[in-house]
C-alpha atoms as a PDB file:
ATOM      1  CA  UNK A   1      -0.008  -0.140   0.002  1.00  0.00           C
ATOM      2  CA  UNK A   2       2.702   2.376   0.881  1.00  0.00           C
ATOM      3  CA  UNK A   3       4.160   1.562  -2.841  1.00  0.00           C
ATOM      4  CA  UNK A   4       1.544   2.333  -4.227  1.00  0.00           C
ATOM      5  CA  UNK A   5       1.137   6.252  -2.260  1.00  0.00           C
ATOM      6  CA  UNK A   6       5.147   6.691  -3.217  1.00  0.00           C
ATOM      7  CA  UNK A   7       3.953   5.899  -7.077  1.00  0.00           C
ATOM      8  CA  UNK A   8       0.870   8.019  -6.925  1.00  0.00           C
ATOM      9  CA  UNK A   9       3.079  11.276  -4.871  1.00  0.00           C
ATOM     10  CA  UNK A  10       5.708  10.491  -7.315  1.00  0.00           C
ATOM     11  CA  UNK A  11       3.798  10.689 -10.304  1.00  0.00           C
ATOM     12  CA  UNK A  12       1.411  14.196  -9.173  1.00  0.00           C
ATOM     13  CA  UNK A  13       4.922  15.784  -8.127  1.00  0.00           C
ATOM     14  CA  UNK A  14       6.552  15.445 -11.570  1.00  0.00           C
ATOM     15  CA  UNK A  15       3.520  15.956 -13.796  1.00  0.00           C
ATOM     16  CA  UNK A  16       3.153  19.478 -11.555  1.00  0.00           C
ATOM     17  CA  UNK A  17       6.734  20.140 -11.766  1.00  0.00           C
ATOM     18  CA  UNK A  18       6.850  19.791 -16.207  1.00  0.00           C
ATOM     19  CA  UNK A  19       3.739  22.214 -15.844  1.00  0.00           C
ATOM     20  CA  UNK A  20       5.598  24.676 -14.181  1.00  0.00           C
ATOM     21  CA  UNK A  21       8.309  24.090 -16.494  1.00  0.00           C
ATOM     22  CA  UNK A  22       6.484  25.184 -19.104  1.00  0.00           C
ATOM     23  CA  UNK A  23       5.566  27.995 -17.509  1.00  0.00           C
ATOM     24  CA  UNK A  24       9.627  28.812 -16.634  1.00  0.00           C
ATOM     25  CA  UNK A  25      10.001  28.558 -20.888  1.00  0.00           C
ATOM     26  CA  UNK A  26       6.756  30.350 -21.792  1.00  0.00           C
ATOM     27  CA  UNK A  27       6.820  33.153 -18.793  1.00  0.00           C
ATOM     28  CA  UNK A  28       5.838  36.532 -19.749  1.00  0.00           C
ATOM     29  CA  UNK A  29       8.093  38.343 -17.379  1.00  0.00           C
ATOM     30  CA  UNK A  30      11.376  37.827 -15.788  1.00  0.00           C
ATOM     31  CA  UNK A  31       9.334  37.397 -12.788  1.00  0.00           C
ATOM     32  CA  UNK A  32       7.494  34.657 -13.580  1.00  0.00           C
ATOM     33  CA  UNK A  33      10.363  32.816 -14.628  1.00  0.00           C
ATOM     34  CA  UNK A  34      11.826  33.715 -11.211  1.00  0.00           C
ATOM     35  CA  UNK A  35       9.047  31.772  -9.754  1.00  0.00           C
ATOM     36  CA  UNK A  36       8.429  28.956 -11.811  1.00  0.00           C
ATOM     37  CA  UNK A  37      12.053  27.992 -11.550  1.00  0.00           C
ATOM     38  CA  UNK A  38      11.751  27.999  -7.731  1.00  0.00           C
ATOM     39  CA  UNK A  39       8.754  25.862  -7.930  1.00  0.00           C
ATOM     40  CA  UNK A  40      10.355  23.646  -9.830  1.00  0.00           C
ATOM     41  CA  UNK A  41      13.166  23.730  -7.782  1.00  0.00           C
ATOM     42  CA  UNK A  42      10.960  23.229  -4.478  1.00  0.00           C
ATOM     43  CA  UNK A  43       9.341  19.987  -7.168  1.00  0.00           C
ATOM     44  CA  UNK A  44      12.694  18.674  -6.839  1.00  0.00           C
ATOM     45  CA  UNK A  45      12.755  19.035  -3.355  1.00  0.00           C
ATOM     46  CA  UNK A  46       9.218  17.067  -2.762  1.00  0.00           C
ATOM     47  CA  UNK A  47      10.485  14.461  -4.884  1.00  0.00           C
ATOM     48  CA  UNK A  48      13.803  14.092  -2.556  1.00  0.00           C
ATOM     49  CA  UNK A  49      11.908  14.024   0.547  1.00  0.00           C
ATOM     50  CA  UNK A  50       9.313  11.413  -0.872  1.00  0.00           C
ATOM     51  CA  UNK A  51      12.625   9.281  -1.804  1.00  0.00           C
ATOM     52  CA  UNK A  52      13.497   9.988   1.538  1.00  0.00           C
ATOM     53  CA  UNK A  53      10.751   8.701   3.328  1.00  0.00           C
ATOM     54  CA  UNK A  54      10.509   5.442   1.560  1.00  0.00           C
ATOM     55  CA  UNK A  55      13.961   4.480   1.260  1.00  0.00           C
ATOM     56  CA  UNK A  56      14.721   5.631   5.095  1.00  0.00           C
ATOM     57  CA  UNK A  57      17.309   7.256   4.283  1.00  0.00           C
ATOM     58  CA  UNK A  58      18.103  10.886   5.660  1.00  0.00           C
ATOM     59  CA  UNK A  59      20.980  11.685   2.865  1.00  0.00           C
ATOM     60  CA  UNK A  60      18.040  12.544   0.912  1.00  0.00           C
ATOM     61  CA  UNK A  61      16.685  14.673   3.060  1.00  0.00           C
ATOM     62  CA  UNK A  62      19.857  16.580   3.927  1.00  0.00           C
ATOM     63  CA  UNK A  63      20.074  17.138  -0.269  1.00  0.00           C
ATOM     64  CA  UNK A  64      16.499  18.621  -0.093  1.00  0.00           C
ATOM     65  CA  UNK A  65      17.347  21.124   2.814  1.00  0.00           C
ATOM     66  CA  UNK A  66      20.588  22.386   0.988  1.00  0.00           C
ATOM     67  CA  UNK A  67      18.561  22.505  -2.337  1.00  0.00           C
ATOM     68  CA  UNK A  68      15.388  24.181  -0.739  1.00  0.00           C
ATOM     69  CA  UNK A  69      17.677  26.816   0.946  1.00  0.00           C
ATOM     70  CA  UNK A  70      19.672  28.103  -1.979  1.00  0.00           C
ATOM     71  CA  UNK A  71      16.852  28.211  -3.925  1.00  0.00           C
ATOM     72  CA  UNK A  72      15.244  30.416  -1.307  1.00  0.00           C
ATOM     73  CA  UNK A  73      17.988  32.653  -1.637  1.00  0.00           C
ATOM     74  CA  UNK A  74      18.643  32.951  -4.864  1.00  0.00           C
ATOM     75  CA  UNK A  75      14.914  33.769  -5.227  1.00  0.00           C
ATOM     76  CA  UNK A  76      15.028  36.388  -3.269  1.00  0.00           C
ATOM     77  CA  UNK A  77      18.315  37.724  -4.757  1.00  0.00           C
ATOM     78  CA  UNK A  78      17.080  37.627  -7.937  1.00  0.00           C
ATOM     79  CA  UNK A  79      13.530  39.271  -6.709  1.00  0.00           C
ATOM     80  CA  UNK A  80      15.541  42.372  -5.310  1.00  0.00           C
ATOM     81  CA  UNK A  81      18.002  42.605  -8.209  1.00  0.00           C
ATOM     82  CA  UNK A  82      14.662  42.635 -10.584  1.00  0.00           C
ATOM     83  CA  UNK A  83      12.824  44.838  -8.471  1.00  0.00           C
ATOM     84  CA  UNK A  84      15.305  46.826  -7.712  1.00  0.00           C
ATOM     85  CA  UNK A  85      17.706  47.348 -10.906  1.00  0.00           C
ATOM     86  CA  UNK A  86      21.149  47.063  -8.811  1.00  0.00           C
ATOM     87  CA  UNK A  87      22.654  44.895  -6.249  1.00  0.00           C
ATOM     88  CA  UNK A  88      22.879  47.533  -3.818  1.00  0.00           C
ATOM     89  CA  UNK A  89      25.137  48.607  -1.004  1.00  0.00           C
END
């Protein structure tokens, strides 16, 4: 039963990530593309976390946490850069 739930959740996250990847390619503005790439990264984080739970291996969880942190910092940086037009002081 757990295997079926794992496969279904993995399929749903993969489909959602692919749809958001299409939005990243077709996005009308740079802000939309940045947010779509951040959402793709979160989809990958979701896949890593489900794999970590399924295999009971914390290595995947550590990688997911690192990716989420880097994704957040990159999105905040790009959002600030696109909004201000400069890097600041």
